[in-house]
């Protein structure tokens, strides 16, 4: 199944996914998917495949992405080869946009892993990044992006130590891999 990791900026999605990956170890039931993004590698943040816009559009038009979306002026893509992982019974774990969830749900067995944190924690983390001024941070925090009601969702609140959050994410992933039919049925 595709495990779509979603949540607001500052929730710690990439950090918890990395921690969960370390806890799970080299388990062949999982693939942690590296996204393609039209952002330079030097911009920081998650490990991604940096692409310029033209290269991204060529790959998209050639069918190279299973899912793609546009957010915050950047293009994001999940490689088409996840379909081989899904066909082999693996869990493909990918950071997705909420806007891509309906398409993902229509095309793949899907479990949504929502990682979030209280507003004060999100604000502090966004401020610590130093990428946005206080007004832009307030705009981000005011955005509401509800999940479609038909999706199967597990939620992890990342408001404590990294180890605890990573353990909760790893538990959700291991549970999904152990009983994938449970999630397909709702």
N, C-alpha and C. Protein backbone atom coordinates (compact mmCIF):
# COMPACT_ATOMS: atom_id res chain seq x y z
N UNK A 1 0.83 -1.18 0.00
CA UNK A 1 0.00 0.00 0.00
C UNK A 1 0.87 1.24 0.00
N UNK A 2 0.28 2.34 -0.41
CA UNK A 2 0.93 3.64 -0.34
C UNK A 2 0.58 4.25 1.00
N UNK A 3 1.59 4.60 1.77
CA UNK A 3 1.38 5.32 3.03
C UNK A 3 1.74 6.77 2.74
N UNK A 4 0.71 7.61 2.69
CA UNK A 4 0.89 9.03 2.38
C UNK A 4 1.07 9.79 3.68
N UNK A 5 2.24 10.37 3.86
CA UNK A 5 2.53 11.15 5.06
C UNK A 5 2.19 12.60 4.75
N UNK A 6 1.28 13.16 5.54
CA UNK A 6 0.85 14.55 5.35
C UNK A 6 0.87 15.27 6.69
N UNK A 7 0.81 16.59 6.61
CA UNK A 7 0.74 17.40 7.81
C UNK A 7 1.24 18.79 7.53
N UNK A 8 1.01 19.70 8.44
CA UNK A 8 1.41 21.09 8.23
C UNK A 8 2.92 21.27 8.28
N UNK A 9 3.38 22.35 7.67
CA UNK A 9 4.80 22.71 7.76
C UNK A 9 5.17 22.87 9.22
N UNK A 10 6.31 22.32 9.59
CA UNK A 10 6.78 22.41 10.97
C UNK A 10 6.33 21.26 11.85
N UNK A 11 5.52 20.35 11.30
CA UNK A 11 5.05 19.23 12.12
C UNK A 11 6.14 18.20 12.37
N UNK A 12 7.18 18.20 11.53
CA UNK A 12 8.28 17.26 11.71
C UNK A 12 8.12 15.98 10.90
N UNK A 13 7.43 16.07 9.78
CA UNK A 13 7.19 14.87 8.95
C UNK A 13 8.50 14.20 8.54
N UNK A 14 9.40 14.97 7.95
CA UNK A 14 10.66 14.38 7.47
C UNK A 14 11.50 13.84 8.63
N UNK A 15 11.52 14.56 9.73
CA UNK A 15 12.30 14.13 10.90
C UNK A 15 11.76 12.82 11.47
N UNK A 16 10.44 12.74 11.62
CA UNK A 16 9.85 11.52 12.17
C UNK A 16 9.97 10.35 11.20
N UNK A 17 9.83 10.62 9.89
CA UNK A 17 9.99 9.55 8.92
C UNK A 17 11.42 9.01 8.96
N UNK A 18 12.40 9.91 9.07
CA UNK A 18 13.80 9.46 9.15
C UNK A 18 14.03 8.65 10.42
N UNK A 19 13.47 9.10 11.53
CA UNK A 19 13.60 8.35 12.79
C UNK A 19 12.91 7.00 12.73
N UNK A 20 11.74 6.94 12.10
CA UNK A 20 11.03 5.67 11.96
C UNK A 20 11.81 4.73 11.05
N UNK A 21 12.38 5.28 10.01
CA UNK A 21 13.18 4.46 9.08
C UNK A 21 14.36 3.82 9.81
N UNK A 22 15.00 4.59 10.68
CA UNK A 22 16.13 4.05 11.45
C UNK A 22 15.65 2.95 12.41
N UNK A 23 14.49 3.15 13.03
CA UNK A 23 13.94 2.16 13.97
C UNK A 23 13.57 0.87 13.25
N UNK A 24 12.99 1.01 12.05
CA UNK A 24 12.55 -0.16 11.29
C UNK A 24 13.74 -0.92 10.71
N UNK A 25 14.77 -0.19 10.31
CA UNK A 25 15.95 -0.82 9.74
C UNK A 25 15.71 -1.28 8.31
N UNK A 26 16.55 -2.19 7.82
CA UNK A 26 16.46 -2.60 6.41
C UNK A 26 15.36 -3.65 6.17
N UNK A 27 14.14 -3.29 6.46
CA UNK A 27 13.00 -4.19 6.32
C UNK A 27 12.52 -4.14 4.86
N UNK A 28 12.56 -5.27 4.15
CA UNK A 28 12.20 -5.27 2.73
C UNK A 28 10.72 -5.00 2.46
N UNK A 29 9.91 -4.92 3.52
CA UNK A 29 8.49 -4.61 3.32
C UNK A 29 8.25 -3.12 3.05
N UNK A 30 9.30 -2.30 3.19
CA UNK A 30 9.14 -0.85 3.08
C UNK A 30 10.04 -0.24 2.03
N UNK A 31 9.52 0.79 1.41
CA UNK A 31 10.33 1.68 0.59
C UNK A 31 9.98 3.10 1.02
N UNK A 32 10.98 3.83 1.45
CA UNK A 32 10.80 5.24 1.78
C UNK A 32 11.14 6.01 0.51
N UNK A 33 10.14 6.65 -0.05
CA UNK A 33 10.22 7.24 -1.39
C UNK A 33 10.88 8.61 -1.34
N UNK A 34 11.80 8.82 -2.24
CA UNK A 34 12.48 10.12 -2.41
C UNK A 34 11.72 10.90 -3.47
N UNK A 35 11.25 12.08 -3.12
CA UNK A 35 10.48 12.90 -4.05
C UNK A 35 11.39 13.68 -4.99
N UNK A 36 10.84 14.00 -6.16
CA UNK A 36 11.49 14.94 -7.08
C UNK A 36 10.83 16.29 -6.83
N UNK A 37 11.65 17.33 -6.73
CA UNK A 37 11.14 18.67 -6.44
C UNK A 37 11.91 19.69 -7.27
N UNK A 38 11.21 20.67 -7.76
CA UNK A 38 11.87 21.75 -8.51
C UNK A 38 12.45 22.77 -7.53
N UNK A 39 13.35 22.25 -6.70
CA UNK A 39 14.05 23.06 -5.70
C UNK A 39 15.49 22.59 -5.67
N UNK A 40 16.44 23.51 -5.62
CA UNK A 40 17.84 23.08 -5.56
C UNK A 40 18.13 22.26 -4.30
N UNK A 41 19.06 21.35 -4.40
CA UNK A 41 19.46 20.56 -3.23
C UNK A 41 20.00 21.46 -2.13
N UNK A 42 20.62 22.56 -2.51
CA UNK A 42 21.22 23.47 -1.55
C UNK A 42 20.19 24.24 -0.72
N UNK A 43 18.91 24.15 -1.09
CA UNK A 43 17.87 24.88 -0.36
C UNK A 43 17.59 24.27 1.01
N UNK A 44 18.15 23.10 1.28
CA UNK A 44 17.94 22.48 2.58
C UNK A 44 16.63 21.71 2.63
N UNK A 45 16.29 21.26 3.83
CA UNK A 45 15.08 20.47 3.98
C UNK A 45 15.33 19.01 3.66
N UNK A 46 14.30 18.35 3.21
CA UNK A 46 14.37 16.91 2.95
C UNK A 46 15.35 16.55 1.85
N UNK A 47 15.83 15.32 1.90
CA UNK A 47 16.63 14.77 0.81
C UNK A 47 15.67 14.54 -0.35
N UNK A 48 15.93 15.18 -1.47
CA UNK A 48 15.05 15.06 -2.63
C UNK A 48 15.87 15.04 -3.90
N UNK A 49 15.23 14.65 -4.99
CA UNK A 49 15.88 14.73 -6.29
C UNK A 49 15.61 16.12 -6.83
N UNK A 50 16.62 17.00 -6.87
CA UNK A 50 16.39 18.35 -7.39
C UNK A 50 16.25 18.31 -8.92
N UNK A 51 15.29 19.05 -9.43
CA UNK A 51 15.07 19.11 -10.87
C UNK A 51 14.73 20.54 -11.25
N UNK A 52 15.11 20.94 -12.46
CA UNK A 52 14.60 22.23 -12.93
C UNK A 52 13.20 21.98 -13.49
N UNK A 53 12.46 23.05 -13.66
CA UNK A 53 11.05 22.95 -14.06
C UNK A 53 10.88 22.22 -15.40
N UNK A 54 11.72 22.53 -16.38
CA UNK A 54 11.59 21.91 -17.70
C UNK A 54 11.82 20.40 -17.62
N UNK A 55 12.84 19.97 -16.87
CA UNK A 55 13.11 18.53 -16.73
C UNK A 55 11.95 17.83 -16.02
N UNK A 56 11.40 18.50 -15.00
CA UNK A 56 10.27 17.93 -14.28
C UNK A 56 9.09 17.74 -15.23
N UNK A 57 8.78 18.77 -16.01
CA UNK A 57 7.63 18.69 -16.93
C UNK A 57 7.84 17.62 -17.99
N UNK A 58 9.07 17.47 -18.46
CA UNK A 58 9.35 16.41 -19.45
C UNK A 58 9.11 15.03 -18.83
N UNK A 59 9.59 14.83 -17.60
CA UNK A 59 9.38 13.53 -16.94
C UNK A 59 7.89 13.31 -16.69
N UNK A 60 7.20 14.32 -16.22
CA UNK A 60 5.76 14.20 -15.99
C UNK A 60 5.03 13.83 -17.27
N UNK A 61 5.33 14.54 -18.35
CA UNK A 61 4.65 14.31 -19.62
C UNK A 61 4.97 12.94 -20.20
N UNK A 62 6.12 12.38 -19.85
CA UNK A 62 6.50 11.04 -20.31
C UNK A 62 5.94 9.94 -19.40
N UNK A 63 5.17 10.33 -18.38
CA UNK A 63 4.58 9.34 -17.47
C UNK A 63 5.51 8.87 -16.38
N UNK A 64 6.52 9.66 -16.06
CA UNK A 64 7.51 9.26 -15.06
C UNK A 64 7.09 9.41 -13.61
N UNK A 65 5.95 10.02 -13.37
CA UNK A 65 5.49 10.21 -11.99
C UNK A 65 4.19 9.46 -11.76
N UNK A 66 4.11 8.76 -10.65
CA UNK A 66 2.86 8.13 -10.24
C UNK A 66 1.89 9.21 -9.78
N UNK A 67 2.42 10.20 -9.08
CA UNK A 67 1.65 11.34 -8.57
C UNK A 67 2.51 12.58 -8.68
N UNK A 68 1.87 13.70 -8.95
CA UNK A 68 2.60 14.97 -8.95
C UNK A 68 1.64 16.09 -8.57
N UNK A 69 2.21 17.19 -8.08
CA UNK A 69 1.40 18.34 -7.69
C UNK A 69 2.26 19.59 -7.68
N UNK A 70 1.58 20.70 -7.60
CA UNK A 70 2.19 22.04 -7.56
C UNK A 70 1.83 22.66 -6.22
N UNK A 71 2.80 23.09 -5.46
CA UNK A 71 2.53 23.73 -4.17
C UNK A 71 3.63 24.74 -3.86
N UNK A 72 3.23 25.89 -3.37
CA UNK A 72 4.17 26.93 -2.95
C UNK A 72 5.15 27.31 -4.06
N UNK A 73 4.68 27.26 -5.31
CA UNK A 73 5.51 27.64 -6.44
C UNK A 73 6.50 26.58 -6.89
N UNK A 74 6.41 25.39 -6.33
CA UNK A 74 7.31 24.28 -6.69
C UNK A 74 6.48 23.12 -7.23
N UNK A 75 7.12 22.29 -8.03
CA UNK A 75 6.50 21.06 -8.51
C UNK A 75 7.09 19.89 -7.73
N UNK A 76 6.24 18.95 -7.34
CA UNK A 76 6.63 17.78 -6.57
C UNK A 76 6.17 16.53 -7.29
N UNK A 77 6.98 15.48 -7.29
CA UNK A 77 6.58 14.24 -7.93
C UNK A 77 7.04 13.01 -7.18
N UNK A 78 6.20 11.99 -7.24
CA UNK A 78 6.51 10.67 -6.69
C UNK A 78 6.79 9.76 -7.88
N UNK A 79 7.93 9.08 -7.92
CA UNK A 79 8.29 8.30 -9.11
C UNK A 79 7.31 7.17 -9.41
N UNK A 80 7.13 6.92 -10.67
CA UNK A 80 6.21 5.88 -11.15
C UNK A 80 6.63 4.50 -10.64
N UNK A 81 7.91 4.29 -10.39
CA UNK A 81 8.36 2.95 -10.00
C UNK A 81 7.84 2.49 -8.65
N UNK A 82 7.12 3.35 -7.91
CA UNK A 82 6.48 2.85 -6.68
C UNK A 82 5.45 1.77 -7.01
N UNK A 83 4.94 1.80 -8.23
CA UNK A 83 3.92 0.82 -8.60
C UNK A 83 4.49 -0.60 -8.55
N UNK A 84 5.76 -0.77 -8.87
CA UNK A 84 6.39 -2.09 -8.76
C UNK A 84 6.48 -2.51 -7.29
N UNK A 85 6.77 -1.56 -6.41
CA UNK A 85 6.81 -1.87 -4.98
C UNK A 85 5.43 -2.28 -4.49
N UNK A 86 4.41 -1.54 -4.88
CA UNK A 86 3.05 -1.87 -4.46
C UNK A 86 2.63 -3.24 -4.99
N UNK A 87 2.96 -3.53 -6.24
CA UNK A 87 2.61 -4.82 -6.84
C UNK A 87 3.32 -5.97 -6.12
N UNK A 88 4.50 -5.69 -5.56
CA UNK A 88 5.26 -6.71 -4.83
C UNK A 88 4.82 -6.81 -3.37
N UNK A 89 3.83 -6.02 -2.97
CA UNK A 89 3.31 -6.09 -1.61
C UNK A 89 4.04 -5.23 -0.60
N UNK A 90 4.89 -4.32 -1.06
CA UNK A 90 5.61 -3.44 -0.14
C UNK A 90 4.78 -2.19 0.19
N UNK A 91 5.12 -1.58 1.29
CA UNK A 91 4.57 -0.28 1.66
C UNK A 91 5.50 0.79 1.11
N UNK A 92 4.97 1.64 0.26
CA UNK A 92 5.72 2.79 -0.23
C UNK A 92 5.32 3.97 0.64
N UNK A 93 6.27 4.51 1.37
CA UNK A 93 6.03 5.59 2.32
C UNK A 93 6.51 6.89 1.69
N UNK A 94 5.57 7.83 1.48
CA UNK A 94 5.92 9.05 0.76
C UNK A 94 5.25 10.26 1.39
N UNK A 95 6.00 11.35 1.44
CA UNK A 95 5.49 12.63 1.88
C UNK A 95 4.66 13.21 0.74
N UNK A 96 3.35 13.34 0.94
CA UNK A 96 2.45 13.85 -0.10
C UNK A 96 1.79 15.14 0.34
N UNK A 97 1.24 15.82 -0.63
CA UNK A 97 0.39 16.98 -0.37
C UNK A 97 -1.03 16.49 -0.12
N UNK A 98 -1.75 17.18 0.74
CA UNK A 98 -3.16 16.85 0.94
C UNK A 98 -3.92 16.94 -0.38
N UNK A 99 -3.49 17.85 -1.25
CA UNK A 99 -4.15 18.02 -2.54
C UNK A 99 -3.99 16.83 -3.47
N UNK A 100 -3.03 15.96 -3.21
CA UNK A 100 -2.80 14.78 -4.05
C UNK A 100 -3.48 13.53 -3.49
N UNK A 101 -4.12 13.64 -2.34
CA UNK A 101 -4.67 12.45 -1.69
C UNK A 101 -5.84 11.82 -2.45
N UNK A 102 -6.72 12.63 -3.00
CA UNK A 102 -7.87 12.05 -3.73
C UNK A 102 -7.37 11.25 -4.93
N UNK A 103 -6.40 11.77 -5.66
CA UNK A 103 -5.83 11.06 -6.80
C UNK A 103 -5.14 9.78 -6.32
N UNK A 104 -4.38 9.87 -5.25
CA UNK A 104 -3.69 8.70 -4.71
C UNK A 104 -4.69 7.63 -4.28
N UNK A 105 -5.76 8.05 -3.62
CA UNK A 105 -6.77 7.11 -3.15
C UNK A 105 -7.51 6.43 -4.30
N UNK A 106 -7.70 7.16 -5.39
CA UNK A 106 -8.39 6.59 -6.55
C UNK A 106 -7.53 5.57 -7.28
N UNK A 107 -6.20 5.66 -7.12
CA UNK A 107 -5.29 4.84 -7.91
C UNK A 107 -4.59 3.73 -7.15
N UNK A 108 -4.45 3.89 -5.83
CA UNK A 108 -3.63 2.95 -5.07
C UNK A 108 -4.31 2.60 -3.74
N UNK A 109 -3.99 1.43 -3.18
CA UNK A 109 -4.41 1.17 -1.79
C UNK A 109 -3.70 2.20 -0.91
N UNK A 110 -4.44 2.92 -0.10
CA UNK A 110 -3.88 4.10 0.57
C UNK A 110 -4.19 4.11 2.06
N UNK A 111 -3.16 4.44 2.83
CA UNK A 111 -3.30 4.78 4.24
C UNK A 111 -2.65 6.14 4.40
N UNK A 112 -3.37 7.07 5.03
CA UNK A 112 -2.83 8.40 5.28
C UNK A 112 -2.29 8.44 6.71
N UNK A 113 -1.05 8.86 6.83
CA UNK A 113 -0.41 9.06 8.13
C UNK A 113 -0.27 10.57 8.31
N UNK A 114 -1.14 11.13 9.14
CA UNK A 114 -1.12 12.57 9.38
C UNK A 114 -0.23 12.86 10.59
N UNK A 115 0.80 13.66 10.36
CA UNK A 115 1.68 14.09 11.44
C UNK A 115 1.39 15.56 11.69
N UNK A 116 1.11 15.88 12.93
CA UNK A 116 0.76 17.25 13.28
C UNK A 116 1.38 17.62 14.62
N UNK A 117 1.16 18.85 15.03
CA UNK A 117 1.64 19.34 16.32
C UNK A 117 0.75 20.51 16.72
N UNK A 118 0.71 20.85 17.99
CA UNK A 118 -0.09 22.00 18.42
C UNK A 118 0.40 23.29 17.73
N UNK A 119 -0.50 24.25 17.53
CA UNK A 119 -0.14 25.50 16.83
C UNK A 119 1.08 26.22 17.40
N UNK A 120 1.21 26.27 18.72
CA UNK A 120 2.36 26.96 19.31
C UNK A 120 3.67 26.25 18.95
N UNK A 121 3.65 24.93 18.90
CA UNK A 121 4.84 24.16 18.53
C UNK A 121 5.17 24.41 17.05
N UNK A 122 4.15 24.37 16.20
CA UNK A 122 4.36 24.64 14.78
C UNK A 122 4.96 26.03 14.58
N UNK A 123 4.41 27.03 15.26
CA UNK A 123 4.90 28.41 15.11
C UNK A 123 6.38 28.51 15.52
N UNK A 124 6.73 27.89 16.63
CA UNK A 124 8.12 27.94 17.10
C UNK A 124 9.06 27.26 16.12
N UNK A 125 8.65 26.12 15.58
CA UNK A 125 9.50 25.40 14.62
C UNK A 125 9.66 26.20 13.33
N UNK A 126 8.58 26.79 12.85
CA UNK A 126 8.67 27.58 11.62
C UNK A 126 9.56 28.81 11.83
N UNK A 127 9.43 29.45 12.97
CA UNK A 127 10.27 30.61 13.27
C UNK A 127 11.74 30.22 13.35
N UNK A 128 12.02 29.06 13.93
CA UNK A 128 13.41 28.59 14.07
C UNK A 128 14.06 28.31 12.71
N UNK A 129 13.26 27.96 11.72
CA UNK A 129 13.81 27.72 10.39
C UNK A 129 14.39 28.99 9.77
N UNK A 130 13.77 30.11 10.10
CA UNK A 130 14.26 31.39 9.60
C UNK A 130 13.96 31.65 8.13
N UNK A 131 13.06 30.88 7.53
CA UNK A 131 12.75 31.06 6.10
C UNK A 131 11.63 32.06 5.87
N UNK A 132 10.80 32.32 6.89
CA UNK A 132 9.62 33.15 6.71
C UNK A 132 9.51 34.18 7.83
N UNK A 133 8.91 35.31 7.50
CA UNK A 133 8.68 36.33 8.52
C UNK A 133 7.43 35.94 9.34
N UNK A 134 7.21 36.62 10.47
CA UNK A 134 6.07 36.27 11.34
C UNK A 134 4.71 36.32 10.65
N UNK A 135 4.52 37.27 9.72
CA UNK A 135 3.24 37.34 9.02
C UNK A 135 3.01 36.11 8.15
N UNK A 136 4.04 35.67 7.46
CA UNK A 136 3.93 34.48 6.60
C UNK A 136 3.70 33.23 7.46
N UNK A 137 4.34 33.16 8.61
CA UNK A 137 4.12 32.03 9.53
C UNK A 137 2.67 32.02 9.99
N UNK A 138 2.14 33.19 10.33
CA UNK A 138 0.74 33.27 10.76
C UNK A 138 -0.21 32.82 9.64
N UNK A 139 0.12 33.20 8.40
CA UNK A 139 -0.70 32.75 7.26
C UNK A 139 -0.69 31.23 7.14
N UNK A 140 0.50 30.63 7.27
CA UNK A 140 0.60 29.17 7.19
C UNK A 140 -0.24 28.50 8.27
N UNK A 141 -0.15 29.02 9.49
CA UNK A 141 -0.88 28.42 10.60
C UNK A 141 -2.39 28.60 10.47
N UNK A 142 -2.82 29.65 9.78
CA UNK A 142 -4.25 29.90 9.61
C UNK A 142 -4.87 29.04 8.51
N UNK A 143 -4.05 28.50 7.64
CA UNK A 143 -4.56 27.66 6.56
C UNK A 143 -5.21 26.40 7.11
N UNK A 144 -6.38 26.12 6.62
CA UNK A 144 -7.04 24.88 7.01
C UNK A 144 -7.06 23.97 5.79
N UNK A 145 -6.62 22.76 5.98
CA UNK A 145 -6.58 21.80 4.88
C UNK A 145 -7.14 20.48 5.39
N UNK A 146 -8.48 20.39 5.46
CA UNK A 146 -9.06 19.15 5.98
C UNK A 146 -8.81 17.97 5.05
N UNK A 147 -8.76 16.82 5.64
CA UNK A 147 -8.60 15.59 4.86
C UNK A 147 -9.96 15.15 4.32
N UNK A 148 -9.99 14.58 3.12
CA UNK A 148 -11.25 14.03 2.63
C UNK A 148 -11.78 12.99 3.63
N UNK A 149 -13.08 12.99 3.89
CA UNK A 149 -13.62 12.13 4.96
C UNK A 149 -13.55 10.64 4.68
N UNK A 150 -13.42 10.23 3.45
CA UNK A 150 -13.45 8.80 3.12
C UNK A 150 -12.11 8.09 3.31
N UNK A 151 -11.07 8.82 3.62
CA UNK A 151 -9.74 8.22 3.70
C UNK A 151 -9.52 7.48 5.02
N UNK A 152 -8.66 6.47 4.98
CA UNK A 152 -8.22 5.77 6.18
C UNK A 152 -7.02 6.55 6.72
N UNK A 153 -7.16 7.06 7.94
CA UNK A 153 -6.16 7.97 8.49
C UNK A 153 -5.70 7.50 9.86
N UNK A 154 -4.39 7.55 10.07
CA UNK A 154 -3.80 7.42 11.40
C UNK A 154 -3.11 8.74 11.68
N UNK A 155 -3.17 9.18 12.91
CA UNK A 155 -2.63 10.49 13.29
C UNK A 155 -1.58 10.33 14.37
N UNK A 156 -0.47 11.07 14.19
CA UNK A 156 0.58 11.13 15.20
C UNK A 156 0.78 12.60 15.53
N UNK A 157 0.65 12.93 16.81
CA UNK A 157 0.89 14.29 17.28
C UNK A 157 2.34 14.35 17.74
N UNK A 158 3.12 15.19 17.07
CA UNK A 158 4.56 15.30 17.33
C UNK A 158 4.81 16.49 18.25
N UNK A 159 4.59 16.28 19.53
CA UNK A 159 4.76 17.37 20.49
C UNK A 159 5.68 16.99 21.65
N UNK A 160 6.43 15.93 21.46
CA UNK A 160 7.33 15.48 22.52
C UNK A 160 8.70 15.17 21.95
N UNK A 161 9.44 14.31 22.64
CA UNK A 161 10.78 13.95 22.17
C UNK A 161 10.75 13.25 20.82
N UNK A 162 11.78 13.49 20.02
CA UNK A 162 11.90 12.88 18.70
C UNK A 162 11.75 11.37 18.77
N UNK A 163 12.38 10.74 19.75
CA UNK A 163 12.34 9.28 19.85
C UNK A 163 10.91 8.77 20.01
N UNK A 164 10.10 9.48 20.78
CA UNK A 164 8.72 9.06 21.00
C UNK A 164 7.90 9.20 19.72
N UNK A 165 8.06 10.31 19.02
CA UNK A 165 7.33 10.51 17.77
C UNK A 165 7.75 9.51 16.71
N UNK A 166 9.05 9.26 16.59
CA UNK A 166 9.54 8.29 15.61
C UNK A 166 9.03 6.89 15.94
N UNK A 167 8.95 6.56 17.22
CA UNK A 167 8.43 5.25 17.62
C UNK A 167 6.96 5.12 17.24
N UNK A 168 6.17 6.17 17.43
CA UNK A 168 4.75 6.12 17.05
C UNK A 168 4.60 5.95 15.54
N UNK A 169 5.41 6.67 14.76
CA UNK A 169 5.35 6.52 13.29
C UNK A 169 5.77 5.11 12.88
N UNK A 170 6.83 4.60 13.47
CA UNK A 170 7.28 3.24 13.15
C UNK A 170 6.20 2.23 13.50
N UNK A 171 5.52 2.41 14.62
CA UNK A 171 4.44 1.49 15.01
C UNK A 171 3.33 1.48 13.97
N UNK A 172 2.93 2.66 13.47
CA UNK A 172 1.89 2.73 12.45
C UNK A 172 2.34 2.00 11.19
N UNK A 173 3.58 2.24 10.77
CA UNK A 173 4.08 1.61 9.56
C UNK A 173 4.17 0.09 9.71
N UNK A 174 4.67 -0.38 10.83
CA UNK A 174 4.77 -1.82 11.06
C UNK A 174 3.39 -2.48 11.11
N UNK A 175 2.44 -1.80 11.72
CA UNK A 175 1.07 -2.30 11.76
C UNK A 175 0.48 -2.38 10.35
N UNK A 176 0.74 -1.38 9.54
CA UNK A 176 0.23 -1.36 8.17
C UNK A 176 0.84 -2.51 7.36
N UNK A 177 2.14 -2.75 7.52
CA UNK A 177 2.80 -3.82 6.78
C UNK A 177 2.35 -5.20 7.25
N UNK A 178 2.03 -5.32 8.54
CA UNK A 178 1.64 -6.61 9.09
C UNK A 178 0.22 -7.00 8.69
N UNK A 179 -0.66 -6.02 8.48
CA UNK A 179 -2.06 -6.31 8.17
C UNK A 179 -2.58 -5.35 7.10
N UNK A 180 -2.02 -5.41 5.90
CA UNK A 180 -2.43 -4.44 4.87
C UNK A 180 -3.90 -4.55 4.49
N UNK A 181 -4.48 -5.74 4.56
CA UNK A 181 -5.89 -5.88 4.19
C UNK A 181 -6.81 -5.14 5.15
N UNK A 182 -6.40 -5.02 6.38
CA UNK A 182 -7.19 -4.26 7.37
C UNK A 182 -7.39 -2.83 6.89
N UNK A 183 -6.34 -2.25 6.32
CA UNK A 183 -6.42 -0.85 5.89
C UNK A 183 -7.17 -0.73 4.58
N UNK A 184 -7.09 -1.72 3.72
CA UNK A 184 -7.81 -1.67 2.45
C UNK A 184 -9.32 -1.71 2.67
N UNK A 185 -9.72 -2.42 3.72
CA UNK A 185 -11.15 -2.57 4.01
C UNK A 185 -11.72 -1.37 4.76
N UNK A 186 -10.86 -0.50 5.25
CA UNK A 186 -11.36 0.67 5.99
C UNK A 186 -11.27 0.44 7.40
